[in-house]
Amino acid sequence: MNLDLTDVETAALLGELDALIDGDRYFMSQRIKVLKAIRAKIRPEPVREPLPSAAEAICATAGDG
């Protein structure tokens, strides 16, 4: 199923999803997990670079001195 939403419609839908998710007292319920999955399909989380390992961080810090 593919929804053809305008930017305004997408923003409205995301706003409603955010309100439902943030306002629910049972944030780990199956209902909220499903709503979060729907939100992730509409607005995917940005890809983040992995943090360096502890050994790499120590070596980088030791090389600065």
PDB file of N, CA and C in Angstrom:
ATOM      1  N   MET A   1       0.843  -1.172   0.000  1.00  0.00           N
ATOM      2  CA  MET A   1       0.000   0.000   0.000  1.00  0.00           C
ATOM      3  C   MET A   1       0.891   1.239   0.000  1.00  0.00           C
ATOM      4  N   ASN A   2       0.634   2.125  -0.894  1.00  0.00           N
ATOM      5  CA  ASN A   2       1.430   3.335  -1.019  1.00  0.00           C
ATOM      6  C   ASN A   2       0.507   4.539  -0.898  1.00  0.00           C
ATOM      7  N   LEU A   3       0.753   5.379   0.104  1.00  0.00           N
ATOM      8  CA  LEU A   3      -0.043   6.588   0.280  1.00  0.00           C
ATOM      9  C   LEU A   3       0.641   7.738  -0.437  1.00  0.00           C
ATOM     10  N   ASP A   4      -0.127   8.475  -1.172  1.00  0.00           N
ATOM     11  CA  ASP A   4       0.389   9.631  -1.894  1.00  0.00           C
ATOM     12  C   ASP A   4      -0.022  10.883  -1.125  1.00  0.00           C
ATOM     13  N   LEU A   5       0.780  11.261  -0.128  1.00  0.00           N
ATOM     14  CA  LEU A   5       0.436  12.377   0.739  1.00  0.00           C
ATOM     15  C   LEU A   5       1.210  13.628   0.363  1.00  0.00           C
ATOM     16  N   THR A   6       0.558  14.773   0.521  1.00  0.00           N
ATOM     17  CA  THR A   6       1.256  16.043   0.338  1.00  0.00           C
ATOM     18  C   THR A   6       2.109  16.300   1.571  1.00  0.00           C
ATOM     19  N   ASP A   7       2.963  17.306   1.511  1.00  0.00           N
ATOM     20  CA  ASP A   7       3.800  17.654   2.659  1.00  0.00           C
ATOM     21  C   ASP A   7       2.941  18.062   3.853  1.00  0.00           C
ATOM     22  N   VAL A   8       1.859  18.771   3.603  1.00  0.00           N
ATOM     23  CA  VAL A   8       0.965  19.211   4.678  1.00  0.00           C
ATOM     24  C   VAL A   8       0.274  18.004   5.313  1.00  0.00           C
ATOM     25  N   GLU A   9      -0.192  17.078   4.490  1.00  0.00           N
ATOM     26  CA  GLU A   9      -0.846  15.873   5.001  1.00  0.00           C
ATOM     27  C   GLU A   9       0.128  15.017   5.808  1.00  0.00           C
ATOM     28  N   THR A  10       1.353  14.891   5.320  1.00  0.00           N
ATOM     29  CA  THR A  10       2.372  14.121   6.030  1.00  0.00           C
ATOM     30  C   THR A  10       2.681  14.755   7.377  1.00  0.00           C
ATOM     31  N   ALA A  11       2.820  16.075   7.404  1.00  0.00           N
ATOM     32  CA  ALA A  11       3.101  16.776   8.654  1.00  0.00           C
ATOM     33  C   ALA A  11       1.947  16.596   9.646  1.00  0.00           C
ATOM     34  N   ALA A  12       0.720  16.656   9.150  1.00  0.00           N
ATOM     35  CA  ALA A  12      -0.441  16.477  10.025  1.00  0.00           C
ATOM     36  C   ALA A  12      -0.482  15.060  10.589  1.00  0.00           C
ATOM     37  N   LEU A  13      -0.227  14.076   9.752  1.00  0.00           N
ATOM     38  CA  LEU A  13      -0.234  12.685  10.194  1.00  0.00           C
ATOM     39  C   LEU A  13       0.869  12.439  11.220  1.00  0.00           C
ATOM     40  N   LEU A  14       2.057  12.964  10.962  1.00  0.00           N
ATOM     41  CA  LEU A  14       3.165  12.804  11.907  1.00  0.00           C
ATOM     42  C   LEU A  14       2.870  13.503  13.231  1.00  0.00           C
ATOM     43  N   GLY A  15       2.225  14.666  13.161  1.00  0.00           N
ATOM     44  CA  GLY A  15       1.853  15.377  14.381  1.00  0.00           C
ATOM     45  C   GLY A  15       0.882  14.574  15.227  1.00  0.00           C
ATOM     46  N   GLU A  16      -0.094  13.954  14.579  1.00  0.00           N
ATOM     47  CA  GLU A  16      -1.059  13.124  15.302  1.00  0.00           C
ATOM     48  C   GLU A  16      -0.394  11.886  15.890  1.00  0.00           C
ATOM     49  N   LEU A  17       0.481  11.246  15.112  1.00  0.00           N
ATOM     50  CA  LEU A  17       1.202  10.078  15.616  1.00  0.00           C
ATOM     51  C   LEU A  17       2.072  10.455  16.816  1.00  0.00           C
ATOM     52  N   ASP A  18       2.782  11.575  16.706  1.00  0.00           N
ATOM     53  CA  ASP A  18       3.625  12.026  17.812  1.00  0.00           C
ATOM     54  C   ASP A  18       2.804  12.281  19.070  1.00  0.00           C
ATOM     55  N   ALA A  19       1.641  12.915  18.912  1.00  0.00           N
ATOM     56  CA  ALA A  19       0.781  13.207  20.057  1.00  0.00           C
ATOM     57  C   ALA A  19       0.268  11.916  20.699  1.00  0.00           C
ATOM     58  N   LEU A  20      -0.119  10.960  19.875  1.00  0.00           N
ATOM     59  CA  LEU A  20      -0.596   9.683  20.407  1.00  0.00           C
ATOM     60  C   LEU A  20       0.508   8.935  21.144  1.00  0.00           C
ATOM     61  N   ILE A  21       1.695   8.916  20.538  1.00  0.00           N
ATOM     62  CA  ILE A  21       2.825   8.190  21.130  1.00  0.00           C
ATOM     63  C   ILE A  21       3.291   8.870  22.413  1.00  0.00           C
ATOM     64  N   ASP A  22       3.463  10.182  22.375  1.00  0.00           N
ATOM     65  CA  ASP A  22       3.992  10.910  23.530  1.00  0.00           C
ATOM     66  C   ASP A  22       2.982  11.008  24.676  1.00  0.00           C
ATOM     67  N   GLY A  23       1.698  10.964  24.357  1.00  0.00           N
ATOM     68  CA  GLY A  23       0.681  11.125  25.381  1.00  0.00           C
ATOM     69  C   GLY A  23       0.212   9.837  26.017  1.00  0.00           C
ATOM     70  N   ASP A  24       0.732   8.701  25.586  1.00  0.00           N
ATOM     71  CA  ASP A  24       0.274   7.422  26.111  1.00  0.00           C
ATOM     72  C   ASP A  24       1.091   7.039  27.329  1.00  0.00           C
ATOM     73  N   ARG A  25       0.422   6.610  28.377  1.00  0.00           N
ATOM     74  CA  ARG A  25       1.143   6.255  29.599  1.00  0.00           C
ATOM     75  C   ARG A  25       1.831   4.905  29.494  1.00  0.00           C
ATOM     76  N   TYR A  26       1.389   4.067  28.576  1.00  0.00           N
ATOM     77  CA  TYR A  26       1.981   2.729  28.411  1.00  0.00           C
ATOM     78  C   TYR A  26       2.888   2.727  27.179  1.00  0.00           C
ATOM     79  N   PHE A  27       4.043   3.356  27.303  1.00  0.00           N
ATOM     80  CA  PHE A  27       4.920   3.590  26.155  1.00  0.00           C
ATOM     81  C   PHE A  27       5.549   2.316  25.603  1.00  0.00           C
ATOM     82  N   MET A  28       5.453   1.209  26.321  1.00  0.00           N
ATOM     83  CA  MET A  28       6.007  -0.055  25.824  1.00  0.00           C
ATOM     84  C   MET A  28       4.916  -1.009  25.331  1.00  0.00           C
ATOM     85  N   SER A  29       3.682  -0.507  25.224  1.00  0.00           N
ATOM     86  CA  SER A  29       2.576  -1.366  24.798  1.00  0.00           C
ATOM     87  C   SER A  29       2.703  -1.715  23.318  1.00  0.00           C
ATOM     88  N   GLN A  30       2.035  -2.773  22.927  1.00  0.00           N
ATOM     89  CA  GLN A  30       2.062  -3.201  21.521  1.00  0.00           C
ATOM     90  C   GLN A  30       1.482  -2.116  20.623  1.00  0.00           C
ATOM     91  N   ARG A  31       0.452  -1.435  21.097  1.00  0.00           N
ATOM     92  CA  ARG A  31      -0.186  -0.354  20.321  1.00  0.00           C
ATOM     93  C   ARG A  31       0.823   0.746  19.989  1.00  0.00           C
ATOM     94  N   ILE A  32       1.606   1.153  20.968  1.00  0.00           N
ATOM     95  CA  ILE A  32       2.590   2.219  20.764  1.00  0.00           C
ATOM     96  C   ILE A  32       3.732   1.730  19.885  1.00  0.00           C
ATOM     97  N   LYS A  33       4.128   0.475  20.043  1.00  0.00           N
ATOM     98  CA  LYS A  33       5.172  -0.080  19.179  1.00  0.00           C
ATOM     99  C   LYS A  33       4.734  -0.058  17.722  1.00  0.00           C
ATOM    100  N   VAL A  34       3.471  -0.366  17.468  1.00  0.00           N
ATOM    101  CA  VAL A  34       2.946  -0.343  16.095  1.00  0.00           C
ATOM    102  C   VAL A  34       2.923   1.096  15.565  1.00  0.00           C
ATOM    103  N   LEU A  35       2.485   2.045  16.389  1.00  0.00           N
ATOM    104  CA  LEU A  35       2.451   3.444  15.961  1.00  0.00           C
ATOM    105  C   LEU A  35       3.864   3.969  15.686  1.00  0.00           C
ATOM    106  N   LYS A  36       4.840   3.565  16.498  1.00  0.00           N
ATOM    107  CA  LYS A  36       6.230   3.976  16.261  1.00  0.00           C
ATOM    108  C   LYS A  36       6.764   3.384  14.963  1.00  0.00           C
ATOM    109  N   ALA A  37       6.377   2.154  14.658  1.00  0.00           N
ATOM    110  CA  ALA A  37       6.812   1.527  13.406  1.00  0.00           C
ATOM    111  C   ALA A  37       6.214   2.258  12.209  1.00  0.00           C
ATOM    112  N   ILE A  38       4.967   2.676  12.330  1.00  0.00           N
ATOM    113  CA  ILE A  38       4.330   3.436  11.247  1.00  0.00           C
ATOM    114  C   ILE A  38       5.045   4.765  11.075  1.00  0.00           C
ATOM    115  N   ARG A  39       5.326   5.447  12.192  1.00  0.00           N
ATOM    116  CA  ARG A  39       6.023   6.736  12.130  1.00  0.00           C
ATOM    117  C   ARG A  39       7.400   6.581  11.496  1.00  0.00           C
ATOM    118  N   ALA A  40       8.088   5.488  11.794  1.00  0.00           N
ATOM    119  CA  ALA A  40       9.420   5.262  11.230  1.00  0.00           C
ATOM    120  C   ALA A  40       9.366   5.057   9.723  1.00  0.00           C
ATOM    121  N   LYS A  41       8.266   4.521   9.221  1.00  0.00           N
ATOM    122  CA  LYS A  41       8.120   4.351   7.773  1.00  0.00           C
ATOM    123  C   LYS A  41       7.881   5.692   7.083  1.00  0.00           C
ATOM    124  N   ILE A  42       7.209   6.595   7.773  1.00  0.00           N
ATOM    125  CA  ILE A  42       6.920   7.906   7.191  1.00  0.00           C
ATOM    126  C   ILE A  42       8.121   8.825   7.332  1.00  0.00           C
ATOM    127  N   ARG A  43       8.750   8.793   8.514  1.00  0.00           N
ATOM    128  CA  ARG A  43       9.893   9.659   8.793  1.00  0.00           C
ATOM    129  C   ARG A  43      11.010   8.811   9.374  1.00  0.00           C
ATOM    130  N   PRO A  44      11.839   8.213   8.511  1.00  0.00           N
ATOM    131  CA  PRO A  44      12.922   7.355   9.014  1.00  0.00           C
ATOM    132  C   PRO A  44      13.926   8.156   9.843  1.00  0.00           C
ATOM    133  N   GLU A  45      14.478   7.503  10.838  1.00  0.00           N
ATOM    134  CA  GLU A  45      15.518   8.116  11.658  1.00  0.00           C
ATOM    135  C   GLU A  45      16.771   8.293  10.811  1.00  0.00           C
ATOM    136  N   PRO A  46      17.513   9.383  11.016  1.00  0.00           N
ATOM    137  CA  PRO A  46      18.747   9.575  10.252  1.00  0.00           C
ATOM    138  C   PRO A  46      19.776   8.500  10.602  1.00  0.00           C
ATOM    139  N   VAL A  47      20.570   8.138   9.630  1.00  0.00           N
ATOM    140  CA  VAL A  47      21.609   7.133   9.849  1.00  0.00           C
ATOM    141  C   VAL A  47      22.746   7.796  10.616  1.00  0.00           C
ATOM    142  N   ARG A  48      23.153   7.157  11.689  1.00  0.00           N
ATOM    143  CA  ARG A  48      24.222   7.709  12.517  1.00  0.00           C
ATOM    144  C   ARG A  48      25.465   6.859  12.379  1.00  0.00           C
ATOM    145  N   GLU A  49      26.611   7.523  12.368  1.00  0.00           N
ATOM    146  CA  GLU A  49      27.867   6.794  12.308  1.00  0.00           C
ATOM    147  C   GLU A  49      28.110   6.133  13.660  1.00  0.00           C
ATOM    148  N   PRO A  50      28.630   4.920  13.669  1.00  0.00           N
ATOM    149  CA  PRO A  50      28.892   4.256  14.951  1.00  0.00           C
ATOM    150  C   PRO A  50      29.984   4.982  15.725  1.00  0.00           C
ATOM    151  N   LEU A  51      29.864   4.928  17.035  1.00  0.00           N
ATOM    152  CA  LEU A  51      30.881   5.538  17.888  1.00  0.00           C
ATOM    153  C   LEU A  51      32.159   4.711  17.810  1.00  0.00           C
ATOM    154  N   PRO A  52      33.323   5.357  17.961  1.00  0.00           N
ATOM    155  CA  PRO A  52      34.569   4.582  17.946  1.00  0.00           C
ATOM    156  C   PRO A  52      34.633   3.684  19.173  1.00  0.00           C
ATOM    157  N   SER A  53      35.352   2.594  19.038  1.00  0.00           N
ATOM    158  CA  SER A  53      35.499   1.687  20.180  1.00  0.00           C
ATOM    159  C   SER A  53      36.311   2.385  21.265  1.00  0.00           C
ATOM    160  N   ALA A  54      36.277   1.848  22.456  1.00  0.00           N
ATOM    161  CA  ALA A  54      37.007   2.434  23.575  1.00  0.00           C
ATOM    162  C   ALA A  54      38.506   2.472  23.285  1.00  0.00           C
ATOM    163  N   ALA A  55      39.029   1.421  22.654  1.00  0.00           N
ATOM    164  CA  ALA A  55      40.454   1.370  22.346  1.00  0.00           C
ATOM    165  C   ALA A  55      40.834   2.472  21.350  1.00  0.00           C
ATOM    166  N   GLU A  56      40.000   2.675  20.345  1.00  0.00           N
ATOM    167  CA  GLU A  56      40.276   3.731  19.357  1.00  0.00           C
ATOM    168  C   GLU A  56      40.229   5.104  20.018  1.00  0.00           C
ATOM    169  N   ALA A  57      39.281   5.319  20.938  1.00  0.00           N
ATOM    170  CA  ALA A  57      39.153   6.594  21.617  1.00  0.00           C
ATOM    171  C   ALA A  57      40.370   6.868  22.491  1.00  0.00           C
ATOM    172  N   ILE A  58      40.846   5.831  23.174  1.00  0.00           N
ATOM    173  CA  ILE A  58      42.027   5.986  24.035  1.00  0.00           C
ATOM    174  C   ILE A  58      43.267   6.291  23.198  1.00  0.00           C
ATOM    175  N   CYS A  59      43.428   5.590  22.088  1.00  0.00           N
ATOM    176  CA  CYS A  59      44.584   5.838  21.218  1.00  0.00           C
ATOM    177  C   CYS A  59      44.535   7.242  20.639  1.00  0.00           C
ATOM    178  N   ALA A  60      43.381   7.703  20.256  1.00  0.00           N
ATOM    179  CA  ALA A  60      43.239   9.026  19.695  1.00  0.00           C
ATOM    180  C   ALA A  60      43.550  10.091  20.742  1.00  0.00           C
ATOM    181  N   THR A  61      43.099   9.866  21.967  1.00  0.00           N
ATOM    182  CA  THR A  61      43.351  10.815  23.050  1.00  0.00           C
ATOM    183  C   THR A  61      44.831  10.805  23.435  1.00  0.00           C
ATOM    184  N   ALA A  62      45.438   9.646  23.474  1.00  0.00           N
ATOM    185  CA  ALA A  62      46.862   9.536  23.848  1.00  0.00           C
ATOM    186  C   ALA A  62      47.746  10.199  22.804  1.00  0.00           C
ATOM    187  N   GLY A  63      47.337  10.184  21.562  1.00  0.00           N
ATOM    188  CA  GLY A  63      48.125  10.787  20.485  1.00  0.00           C
ATOM    189  C   GLY A  63      48.046  12.302  20.483  1.00  0.00           C
ATOM    190  N   ASP A  64      47.045  12.869  21.172  1.00  0.00           N
ATOM    191  CA  ASP A  64      46.874  14.321  21.190  1.00  0.00           C
ATOM    192  C   ASP A  64      47.902  15.003  22.090  1.00  0.00           C
ATOM    193  N   GLY A  65      48.406  14.303  23.091  1.00  0.00           N
ATOM    194  CA  GLY A  65      49.257  14.917  24.111  1.00  0.00           C
ATOM    195  C   GLY A  65      50.634  15.051  23.687  1.00  0.00           C
TER     196      GLY A  65
END
